[in-house]
N, C-alpha and C. Protein backbone atom coordinates (compact mmCIF):
# COMPACT_ATOMS: atom_id res chain seq x y z
N MET A 1 76.77 65.59 148.32
CA MET A 1 76.29 66.76 147.98
C MET A 1 77.29 67.87 148.27
N VAL A 2 77.63 68.82 147.32
CA VAL A 2 78.31 69.99 147.64
C VAL A 2 77.24 71.11 148.04
N LEU A 3 77.67 71.74 149.25
CA LEU A 3 76.82 72.78 149.81
C LEU A 3 77.18 74.08 148.98
N ASP A 4 76.03 74.63 148.41
CA ASP A 4 76.19 75.87 147.52
C ASP A 4 75.51 76.89 148.17
N ARG A 5 76.09 78.10 148.60
CA ARG A 5 75.44 79.08 149.09
C ARG A 5 74.39 79.74 148.29
N ALA A 6 74.60 79.87 146.87
CA ALA A 6 73.47 80.38 146.06
C ALA A 6 72.31 79.64 145.97
N ALA A 7 72.51 78.26 146.08
CA ALA A 7 71.36 77.33 146.11
C ALA A 7 70.64 77.43 147.31
N ALA A 8 71.30 77.54 148.49
CA ALA A 8 70.70 77.67 149.85
C ALA A 8 69.87 78.93 150.00
N TRP A 9 70.53 80.07 149.42
CA TRP A 9 69.76 81.31 149.35
C TRP A 9 68.50 81.31 148.55
N GLN A 10 68.55 80.59 147.40
CA GLN A 10 67.38 80.36 146.58
C GLN A 10 66.23 79.71 147.36
N LEU A 11 66.71 78.51 147.98
CA LEU A 11 65.81 77.79 148.85
C LEU A 11 65.14 78.68 149.85
N LEU A 12 66.00 79.39 150.59
CA LEU A 12 65.51 80.11 151.72
C LEU A 12 64.33 81.14 151.08
N THR A 13 64.62 81.88 149.98
CA THR A 13 63.86 82.86 149.50
C THR A 13 62.65 82.41 149.00
N GLU A 14 62.62 81.03 148.48
CA GLU A 14 61.56 80.33 147.94
C GLU A 14 60.44 79.94 149.19
N TRP A 15 61.08 79.63 150.32
CA TRP A 15 60.19 79.35 151.48
C TRP A 15 60.00 80.43 152.46
N THR A 16 60.73 81.55 152.21
CA THR A 16 60.63 82.74 153.26
C THR A 16 60.39 83.95 152.39
N THR A 17 59.38 84.56 152.32
CA THR A 17 58.98 85.83 151.78
C THR A 17 59.21 87.10 152.46
N GLY A 18 59.15 87.02 153.79
CA GLY A 18 59.19 88.02 154.74
C GLY A 18 60.53 88.58 154.80
N GLU A 19 60.66 89.97 154.69
CA GLU A 19 61.99 90.51 154.83
C GLU A 19 62.67 90.35 156.14
N SER A 20 61.85 90.49 157.20
CA SER A 20 62.39 90.33 158.47
C SER A 20 63.01 89.05 158.78
N LEU A 21 62.27 87.88 158.38
CA LEU A 21 62.80 86.68 158.66
C LEU A 21 64.04 86.27 157.76
N ARG A 22 64.10 86.83 156.53
CA ARG A 22 65.27 86.79 155.61
C ARG A 22 66.41 87.45 156.46
N LYS A 23 66.26 88.66 156.84
CA LYS A 23 67.37 89.27 157.51
C LYS A 23 67.92 88.68 158.77
N HIS A 24 66.81 88.02 159.42
CA HIS A 24 67.24 87.24 160.54
C HIS A 24 68.22 86.13 160.17
N ALA A 25 67.81 85.50 159.00
CA ALA A 25 68.69 84.30 158.58
C ALA A 25 70.03 84.85 158.22
N LEU A 26 70.11 86.05 157.56
CA LEU A 26 71.57 86.60 157.23
C LEU A 26 72.19 87.02 158.47
N ALA A 27 71.47 87.49 159.53
CA ALA A 27 72.17 87.86 160.71
C ALA A 27 72.79 86.63 161.40
N VAL A 28 72.03 85.64 161.56
CA VAL A 28 72.61 84.33 162.18
C VAL A 28 73.65 83.90 161.31
N GLU A 29 73.61 83.90 159.93
CA GLU A 29 74.58 83.31 159.03
C GLU A 29 75.94 84.14 159.38
N ALA A 30 75.79 85.44 159.47
CA ALA A 30 77.00 86.17 159.59
C ALA A 30 77.73 85.99 160.88
N ALA A 31 76.82 85.69 161.98
CA ALA A 31 77.33 85.41 163.28
C ALA A 31 78.10 84.02 163.24
N VAL A 32 77.35 82.91 162.76
CA VAL A 32 77.82 81.67 162.72
C VAL A 32 79.13 81.55 161.79
N ARG A 33 79.14 82.28 160.73
CA ARG A 33 80.34 82.33 159.85
C ARG A 33 81.51 83.03 160.57
N GLY A 34 81.20 84.05 161.32
CA GLY A 34 82.36 84.75 162.21
C GLY A 34 82.87 83.58 163.06
N TYR A 35 82.01 82.83 163.81
CA TYR A 35 82.62 81.93 164.69
C TYR A 35 83.46 80.83 163.97
N ALA A 36 82.84 80.35 162.80
CA ALA A 36 83.68 79.43 161.96
C ALA A 36 84.98 79.86 161.64
N ARG A 37 85.10 81.15 161.30
CA ARG A 37 86.46 81.60 161.05
C ARG A 37 87.35 81.66 162.27
N THR A 38 86.80 81.92 163.42
CA THR A 38 87.47 82.06 164.74
C THR A 38 87.89 80.56 165.02
N PHE A 39 87.04 79.57 164.90
CA PHE A 39 87.25 78.10 165.18
C PHE A 39 88.09 77.44 164.22
N GLY A 40 88.36 78.02 163.07
CA GLY A 40 89.07 77.37 161.97
C GLY A 40 88.19 76.21 161.26
N GLU A 41 86.87 76.53 161.18
CA GLU A 41 85.84 75.51 160.70
C GLU A 41 85.56 76.00 159.32
N ASP A 42 84.63 75.20 158.74
CA ASP A 42 84.30 75.53 157.24
C ASP A 42 83.18 76.62 157.20
N GLU A 43 83.63 77.78 156.92
CA GLU A 43 82.84 78.89 157.01
C GLU A 43 81.53 78.80 156.04
N GLN A 44 81.84 78.37 154.96
CA GLN A 44 80.78 78.07 153.90
C GLN A 44 79.70 77.13 154.40
N ALA A 45 80.06 76.09 154.86
CA ALA A 45 79.13 75.02 155.32
C ALA A 45 78.27 75.53 156.53
N TRP A 46 79.05 76.04 157.58
CA TRP A 46 78.50 76.67 158.76
C TRP A 46 77.50 77.68 158.35
N GLY A 47 77.85 78.59 157.50
CA GLY A 47 76.96 79.58 157.10
C GLY A 47 75.62 79.28 156.43
N ILE A 48 75.91 78.05 155.63
CA ILE A 48 74.55 77.61 155.06
C ILE A 48 73.55 76.97 156.05
N VAL A 49 74.19 76.44 156.95
CA VAL A 49 73.35 75.77 158.08
C VAL A 49 72.52 76.91 158.72
N ALA A 50 73.28 78.04 159.10
CA ALA A 50 72.57 79.05 159.69
C ALA A 50 71.60 79.81 158.86
N LEU A 51 71.99 79.85 157.66
CA LEU A 51 71.14 80.65 156.64
C LEU A 51 69.68 79.81 156.58
N LEU A 52 69.87 78.48 156.53
CA LEU A 52 68.52 77.77 156.41
C LEU A 52 67.93 77.29 157.83
N HIS A 53 68.48 77.71 158.95
CA HIS A 53 67.97 77.11 160.09
C HIS A 53 66.27 77.41 160.43
N ASP A 54 65.89 78.55 159.79
CA ASP A 54 64.46 78.96 160.11
C ASP A 54 63.69 78.97 158.74
N MET A 55 64.21 78.20 157.82
CA MET A 55 63.69 78.32 156.44
C MET A 55 62.14 77.98 156.36
N ASP A 56 61.65 77.15 157.41
CA ASP A 56 60.26 76.58 157.33
C ASP A 56 59.37 77.47 158.16
N TYR A 57 59.94 78.39 158.92
CA TYR A 57 59.22 79.00 160.05
C TYR A 57 58.08 79.85 159.63
N GLU A 58 58.21 80.50 158.39
CA GLU A 58 57.03 81.41 157.94
C GLU A 58 55.89 80.53 157.56
N ARG A 59 56.15 79.41 156.87
CA ARG A 59 55.10 78.54 156.47
C ARG A 59 54.62 77.60 157.55
N PHE A 60 55.54 77.22 158.37
CA PHE A 60 55.18 76.21 159.56
C PHE A 60 55.62 76.76 160.88
N PRO A 61 54.91 77.67 161.46
CA PRO A 61 55.46 78.43 162.68
C PRO A 61 55.25 77.49 164.06
N SER A 62 54.39 76.49 163.86
CA SER A 62 54.03 75.75 165.20
C SER A 62 55.16 75.04 165.50
N LEU A 63 55.13 74.67 166.82
CA LEU A 63 56.25 73.67 167.50
C LEU A 63 56.11 72.33 166.91
N ASP A 64 54.93 72.01 166.40
CA ASP A 64 54.80 70.54 165.82
C ASP A 64 55.46 70.52 164.51
N ASP A 65 55.70 71.67 163.86
CA ASP A 65 56.13 71.75 162.43
C ASP A 65 57.54 72.23 162.37
N HIS A 66 57.93 73.34 163.02
CA HIS A 66 59.24 73.96 162.86
C HIS A 66 60.30 73.38 163.94
N PRO A 67 61.34 72.92 163.50
CA PRO A 67 62.11 73.02 162.11
C PRO A 67 61.97 71.53 161.45
N TYR A 68 61.00 70.80 161.77
CA TYR A 68 60.90 69.52 161.14
C TYR A 68 60.59 69.55 159.67
N ARG A 69 59.59 70.40 159.26
CA ARG A 69 59.23 70.46 157.71
C ARG A 69 60.44 70.96 156.94
N GLY A 70 61.20 71.89 157.44
CA GLY A 70 62.40 72.28 156.79
C GLY A 70 63.47 71.10 156.59
N CYS A 71 63.62 70.57 157.64
CA CYS A 71 64.57 69.38 157.66
C CYS A 71 64.18 68.37 156.65
N GLU A 72 62.85 68.07 156.67
CA GLU A 72 62.38 67.05 155.67
C GLU A 72 62.76 67.63 154.21
N GLU A 73 62.43 68.85 153.97
CA GLU A 73 62.89 69.30 152.55
C GLU A 73 64.19 69.32 152.38
N LEU A 74 65.16 69.63 153.28
CA LEU A 74 66.47 69.54 153.00
C LEU A 74 67.03 68.00 152.79
N GLN A 75 66.47 67.14 153.59
CA GLN A 75 66.76 65.66 153.37
C GLN A 75 66.41 65.31 151.97
N ARG A 76 65.19 65.64 151.52
CA ARG A 76 64.63 65.33 150.16
C ARG A 76 65.62 65.89 149.07
N ARG A 77 66.18 66.98 149.30
CA ARG A 77 67.20 67.62 148.38
C ARG A 77 68.50 67.10 148.56
N GLY A 78 68.81 66.17 149.56
CA GLY A 78 70.12 65.52 149.60
C GLY A 78 71.10 66.19 150.57
N TYR A 79 70.61 67.22 151.47
CA TYR A 79 71.50 67.82 152.34
C TYR A 79 71.86 66.73 153.26
N PRO A 80 73.23 66.77 153.74
CA PRO A 80 73.67 65.68 154.79
C PRO A 80 73.00 65.81 156.00
N GLU A 81 73.14 64.66 156.84
CA GLU A 81 72.37 64.55 158.03
C GLU A 81 73.04 65.62 159.00
N TRP A 82 74.31 65.81 159.04
CA TRP A 82 74.79 66.73 159.98
C TRP A 82 74.21 68.23 159.89
N VAL A 83 73.59 68.49 158.69
CA VAL A 83 73.03 69.90 158.50
C VAL A 83 71.66 69.85 159.12
N THR A 84 70.92 68.85 158.85
CA THR A 84 69.63 68.84 159.37
C THR A 84 69.66 68.39 161.05
N ARG A 85 70.61 67.75 161.46
CA ARG A 85 70.78 67.42 162.81
C ARG A 85 71.02 68.86 163.60
N ALA A 86 72.16 69.70 162.97
CA ALA A 86 72.36 70.93 163.53
C ALA A 86 71.22 71.86 163.63
N ILE A 87 70.24 71.87 162.49
CA ILE A 87 69.06 72.71 162.55
C ILE A 87 68.06 72.17 163.64
N LEU A 88 67.86 71.00 163.80
CA LEU A 88 66.96 70.38 164.83
C LEU A 88 67.53 70.62 166.03
N SER A 89 68.77 70.71 166.38
CA SER A 89 69.33 70.98 167.64
C SER A 89 69.14 72.42 168.19
N HIS A 90 68.85 73.21 167.23
CA HIS A 90 68.67 74.75 167.64
C HIS A 90 67.32 75.00 168.43
N ALA A 91 66.46 73.89 168.25
CA ALA A 91 65.09 74.00 168.89
C ALA A 91 65.17 72.99 169.97
N ASP A 92 65.23 73.49 171.28
CA ASP A 92 65.24 72.44 172.43
C ASP A 92 64.27 71.54 172.49
N TYR A 93 62.98 71.86 172.05
CA TYR A 93 61.83 70.93 172.04
C TYR A 93 61.93 69.77 170.97
N SER A 94 62.87 69.88 170.08
CA SER A 94 63.18 68.79 169.14
C SER A 94 63.83 67.43 169.90
N HIS A 95 64.40 67.87 171.01
CA HIS A 95 64.99 66.81 171.84
C HIS A 95 66.27 66.26 171.11
N THR A 96 66.84 67.14 170.25
CA THR A 96 68.21 66.81 169.78
C THR A 96 69.17 67.35 170.41
N PRO A 97 69.89 66.74 171.23
CA PRO A 97 71.06 67.45 172.02
C PRO A 97 72.04 67.96 171.21
N ARG A 98 72.49 69.14 171.77
CA ARG A 98 73.63 69.88 171.00
C ARG A 98 74.92 69.24 171.51
N GLU A 99 75.59 68.68 170.37
CA GLU A 99 76.91 68.03 170.76
C GLU A 99 78.19 68.63 169.94
N SER A 100 77.88 68.95 168.75
CA SER A 100 78.95 69.35 167.93
C SER A 100 79.23 70.97 168.21
N ARG A 101 80.34 71.37 167.86
CA ARG A 101 80.63 72.80 168.05
C ARG A 101 79.63 73.85 167.12
N LEU A 102 79.29 73.10 165.84
CA LEU A 102 78.46 73.78 164.96
C LEU A 102 76.95 73.93 165.59
N GLU A 103 76.55 72.93 166.20
CA GLU A 103 75.25 72.89 166.86
C GLU A 103 75.17 73.87 167.96
N LYS A 104 76.09 73.88 168.81
CA LYS A 104 76.31 74.81 169.88
C LYS A 104 76.34 76.37 169.49
N THR A 105 77.09 76.63 168.49
CA THR A 105 77.27 77.91 167.79
C THR A 105 76.07 78.45 167.21
N LEU A 106 75.23 77.48 166.54
CA LEU A 106 73.98 77.97 165.79
C LEU A 106 73.18 78.32 167.00
N PHE A 107 72.95 77.57 168.06
CA PHE A 107 72.07 77.88 169.04
C PHE A 107 72.32 79.14 169.82
N ALA A 108 73.72 79.36 170.03
CA ALA A 108 74.18 80.64 170.52
C ALA A 108 73.96 81.76 169.89
N CYS A 109 73.96 81.72 168.62
CA CYS A 109 73.87 82.84 167.63
C CYS A 109 72.45 83.32 167.34
N ASP A 110 71.55 82.19 167.20
CA ASP A 110 70.18 82.42 166.88
C ASP A 110 69.57 83.64 167.64
N GLU A 111 69.33 83.40 168.88
CA GLU A 111 68.56 84.36 169.60
C GLU A 111 69.39 85.62 169.91
N MET A 112 70.77 85.50 169.93
CA MET A 112 71.67 86.65 170.21
C MET A 112 71.61 87.63 168.85
N ALA A 113 71.70 87.11 167.81
CA ALA A 113 71.62 87.91 166.61
C ALA A 113 70.31 88.66 166.41
N GLY A 114 69.20 88.12 166.85
CA GLY A 114 67.83 88.69 166.83
C GLY A 114 67.86 89.82 167.87
N PHE A 115 68.53 89.47 169.22
CA PHE A 115 68.41 90.39 170.20
C PHE A 115 69.32 91.74 169.78
N ILE A 116 70.50 91.44 169.23
CA ILE A 116 71.22 92.41 168.73
C ILE A 116 70.82 93.29 167.83
N THR A 117 70.02 92.70 166.86
CA THR A 117 69.35 93.43 165.60
C THR A 117 68.26 94.35 166.39
N ALA A 118 67.52 93.90 167.42
CA ALA A 118 66.54 94.79 168.09
C ALA A 118 67.23 95.83 168.87
N ALA A 119 68.46 95.53 169.40
CA ALA A 119 69.14 96.64 170.19
C ALA A 119 69.64 97.69 169.24
N ALA A 120 70.06 97.35 167.92
CA ALA A 120 70.51 98.39 167.04
C ALA A 120 69.36 99.17 166.47
N LEU A 121 68.24 98.46 166.30
CA LEU A 121 67.15 99.21 165.62
C LEU A 121 66.48 100.32 166.51
N VAL A 122 66.56 100.00 167.91
CA VAL A 122 66.06 101.22 168.76
C VAL A 122 66.97 102.38 168.78
N ARG A 123 68.22 102.26 168.47
CA ARG A 123 69.10 103.40 168.56
C ARG A 123 68.77 104.46 167.49
N PRO A 124 69.08 105.68 167.95
CA PRO A 124 68.74 106.75 167.00
C PRO A 124 69.36 106.58 165.51
N THR A 125 70.60 105.99 165.58
CA THR A 125 71.40 105.81 164.39
C THR A 125 70.89 104.56 163.71
N LYS A 126 70.20 103.61 164.24
CA LYS A 126 69.77 102.32 163.71
C LYS A 126 71.02 101.61 163.07
N SER A 127 72.03 101.62 163.80
CA SER A 127 73.34 101.14 163.44
C SER A 127 74.10 100.28 164.35
N LEU A 128 74.80 99.07 163.75
CA LEU A 128 75.62 98.18 164.55
C LEU A 128 76.92 98.91 164.76
N PHE A 129 77.28 99.96 164.24
CA PHE A 129 78.54 100.55 164.37
C PHE A 129 78.83 101.43 165.54
N ASP A 130 77.77 101.78 166.15
CA ASP A 130 77.91 102.45 167.33
C ASP A 130 77.25 101.68 168.64
N LEU A 131 76.84 100.46 168.41
CA LEU A 131 76.41 99.55 169.39
C LEU A 131 77.55 98.83 169.96
N GLU A 132 77.64 98.85 171.19
CA GLU A 132 78.65 98.13 171.95
C GLU A 132 78.15 97.10 172.97
N ALA A 133 78.78 96.10 173.35
CA ALA A 133 78.49 95.15 174.13
C ALA A 133 77.82 95.61 175.55
N PRO A 134 78.29 96.48 176.25
CA PRO A 134 77.77 97.14 177.47
C PRO A 134 76.29 97.44 177.23
N SER A 135 75.98 98.16 176.24
CA SER A 135 74.55 98.57 176.01
C SER A 135 73.73 97.39 175.68
N VAL A 136 74.18 96.40 175.00
CA VAL A 136 73.42 95.17 174.88
C VAL A 136 73.19 94.39 176.17
N LEU A 137 74.27 94.34 176.96
CA LEU A 137 74.11 93.61 178.21
C LEU A 137 73.12 94.32 179.14
N LYS A 138 73.03 95.69 178.97
CA LYS A 138 72.11 96.47 179.85
C LYS A 138 70.77 96.14 179.33
N LYS A 139 70.59 96.00 178.10
CA LYS A 139 69.17 95.60 177.65
C LYS A 139 68.71 94.21 177.89
N ILE A 140 69.73 93.27 177.94
CA ILE A 140 69.37 91.93 178.38
C ILE A 140 68.73 92.00 179.82
N LYS A 141 69.28 92.83 180.61
CA LYS A 141 68.81 92.97 182.00
C LYS A 141 67.52 93.50 182.16
N ASP A 142 66.91 94.30 181.17
CA ASP A 142 65.75 95.00 181.02
C ASP A 142 64.73 93.97 180.48
N LYS A 143 63.85 93.58 181.31
CA LYS A 143 62.90 92.46 181.07
C LYS A 143 61.92 92.96 180.04
N ALA A 144 61.67 94.18 179.95
CA ALA A 144 60.61 94.79 179.21
C ALA A 144 61.17 95.05 177.73
N PHE A 145 62.44 94.89 177.51
CA PHE A 145 62.95 95.02 176.11
C PHE A 145 62.96 93.66 175.49
N ALA A 146 62.52 93.56 174.24
CA ALA A 146 62.45 92.42 173.38
C ALA A 146 62.03 91.16 174.48
N ARG A 147 61.06 91.39 175.13
CA ARG A 147 60.56 90.38 176.15
C ARG A 147 60.49 88.92 175.70
N ALA A 148 60.05 88.90 174.43
CA ALA A 148 59.92 87.46 173.84
C ALA A 148 61.26 86.65 173.80
N VAL A 149 62.29 87.28 173.84
CA VAL A 149 63.78 86.71 173.77
C VAL A 149 63.92 86.10 175.17
N SER A 150 64.20 84.78 175.12
CA SER A 150 64.62 84.16 176.51
C SER A 150 65.93 84.49 176.84
N ARG A 151 66.09 85.06 178.03
CA ARG A 151 67.41 85.53 178.59
C ARG A 151 68.14 84.21 179.04
N ASP A 152 67.35 83.18 179.37
CA ASP A 152 67.97 81.92 179.70
C ASP A 152 68.73 81.19 178.47
N ASP A 153 68.02 81.39 177.24
CA ASP A 153 68.81 80.82 175.94
C ASP A 153 69.81 81.78 175.65
N LEU A 154 69.83 83.04 175.86
CA LEU A 154 70.99 83.81 175.69
C LEU A 154 72.16 83.52 176.54
N ARG A 155 72.08 83.23 177.73
CA ARG A 155 73.04 82.86 178.71
C ARG A 155 73.49 81.35 178.47
N ARG A 156 72.68 80.57 178.22
CA ARG A 156 72.94 79.32 177.77
C ARG A 156 73.75 79.15 176.57
N GLY A 157 73.44 79.83 175.52
CA GLY A 157 74.39 79.98 174.31
C GLY A 157 75.68 80.30 174.66
N ALA A 158 76.00 81.36 175.43
CA ALA A 158 77.32 81.75 175.73
C ALA A 158 78.02 80.67 176.57
N GLU A 159 77.31 80.10 177.39
CA GLU A 159 77.91 79.00 178.26
C GLU A 159 78.37 77.79 177.40
N GLU A 160 77.35 77.54 176.45
CA GLU A 160 77.69 76.33 175.55
C GLU A 160 78.93 76.56 174.71
N LEU A 161 79.17 77.84 174.29
CA LEU A 161 80.38 78.20 173.58
C LEU A 161 81.66 78.31 174.54
N GLY A 162 81.31 78.22 175.81
CA GLY A 162 82.43 78.37 176.78
C GLY A 162 83.03 79.77 176.87
N LEU A 163 81.96 80.72 176.50
CA LEU A 163 82.59 82.15 176.55
C LEU A 163 81.77 83.07 177.53
N PRO A 164 82.34 84.03 178.20
CA PRO A 164 81.59 84.87 179.03
C PRO A 164 80.53 85.70 178.19
N MET A 165 79.47 85.96 178.76
CA MET A 165 78.42 86.68 177.95
C MET A 165 78.92 87.97 177.35
N ASP A 166 79.65 88.78 177.92
CA ASP A 166 80.11 90.03 177.25
C ASP A 166 80.98 89.75 176.00
N GLN A 167 81.81 88.73 176.06
CA GLN A 167 82.64 88.36 174.85
C GLN A 167 81.89 87.84 173.77
N HIS A 168 80.79 86.90 174.15
CA HIS A 168 79.93 86.52 173.01
C HIS A 168 79.05 87.71 172.46
N VAL A 169 78.59 88.63 173.14
CA VAL A 169 77.83 89.73 172.61
C VAL A 169 78.77 90.56 171.65
N ALA A 170 79.96 90.79 172.22
CA ALA A 170 80.84 91.61 171.39
C ALA A 170 81.23 90.81 170.11
N ASN A 171 81.45 89.62 170.12
CA ASN A 171 81.80 88.85 168.92
C ASN A 171 80.68 88.84 167.93
N VAL A 172 79.60 88.60 168.33
CA VAL A 172 78.24 88.72 167.31
C VAL A 172 78.11 90.04 166.70
N ILE A 173 78.23 91.16 167.65
CA ILE A 173 78.20 92.55 167.14
C ILE A 173 79.12 92.60 165.92
N ALA A 174 80.41 92.23 166.17
CA ALA A 174 81.44 92.42 165.27
C ALA A 174 81.21 91.48 164.06
N PHE A 175 80.74 90.35 164.09
CA PHE A 175 80.48 89.37 162.97
C PHE A 175 79.37 89.87 162.22
N MET A 176 78.44 90.71 162.76
CA MET A 176 77.17 91.06 162.13
C MET A 176 77.52 92.41 161.47
N ARG A 177 78.50 93.22 161.89
CA ARG A 177 78.91 94.43 161.30
C ARG A 177 79.48 94.17 159.68
N VAL A 178 79.88 93.11 159.62
CA VAL A 178 80.57 92.67 158.28
C VAL A 178 79.39 92.65 157.21
N GLU A 179 78.14 92.25 157.71
CA GLU A 179 77.04 92.30 156.81
C GLU A 179 75.99 93.33 157.16
N ALA A 180 76.46 94.46 157.64
CA ALA A 180 75.48 95.53 158.09
C ALA A 180 74.62 95.97 156.94
N ASP A 181 75.22 96.18 155.84
CA ASP A 181 74.34 96.57 154.64
C ASP A 181 73.31 95.80 154.40
N ALA A 182 73.50 94.34 154.18
CA ALA A 182 72.44 93.26 153.89
C ALA A 182 71.45 93.29 155.04
N LEU A 183 71.87 93.62 156.36
CA LEU A 183 70.98 93.53 157.33
C LEU A 183 70.21 94.80 157.67
N GLY A 184 70.65 95.84 156.78
CA GLY A 184 69.78 97.15 156.96
C GLY A 184 70.21 97.87 158.38
N LEU A 185 71.55 97.52 158.67
CA LEU A 185 71.85 98.06 160.06
C LEU A 185 73.24 99.00 159.96
N ARG A 186 73.46 99.48 158.78
CA ARG A 186 74.59 100.44 158.63
C ARG A 186 74.21 101.80 159.45
N GLY A 187 73.00 102.07 159.36
CA GLY A 187 72.75 103.36 160.12
C GLY A 187 71.96 104.38 159.19
N VAL A 188 71.40 105.29 159.78
CA VAL A 188 70.76 106.38 158.94
C VAL A 188 71.77 107.71 158.83
């Protein structure tokens, strides 16, 4: 099967109607694509995995169903096993250990992209372009900010990539800036 970004987007929008979850998928895609460029990996393939990682979450938000139902659909459509394995590995409770660089990158970017989005949206400008890593790191220490985001997952993600937290935060901000318009984070 040839991975096609347009087909992946169509699948995502078929399964996900909410704008917020679609933007999350785009944010994680931007971050994972950025790392693919950095690591000399297949940006298109990695981006598609990131785009589809939560495709079933809106329909099946329970731990018993997500990401399993989405992976079943991807398998039915002929997506390769490495795609579904990477998606399964982003959920610790799936008991799919993260082994590949793609799997570690998806995990590291998933929560971080969401956290950075939240940090940008509380700024007066609502922009990624005046958001810097020290501001995000300060918000990570603030347990009241975006309290649903696991700080342990943020830390583990950077560790699994072998990067200091400040570098990972700066990278994800930079990678997301490339897609600021699609993410609604260019600013007011």
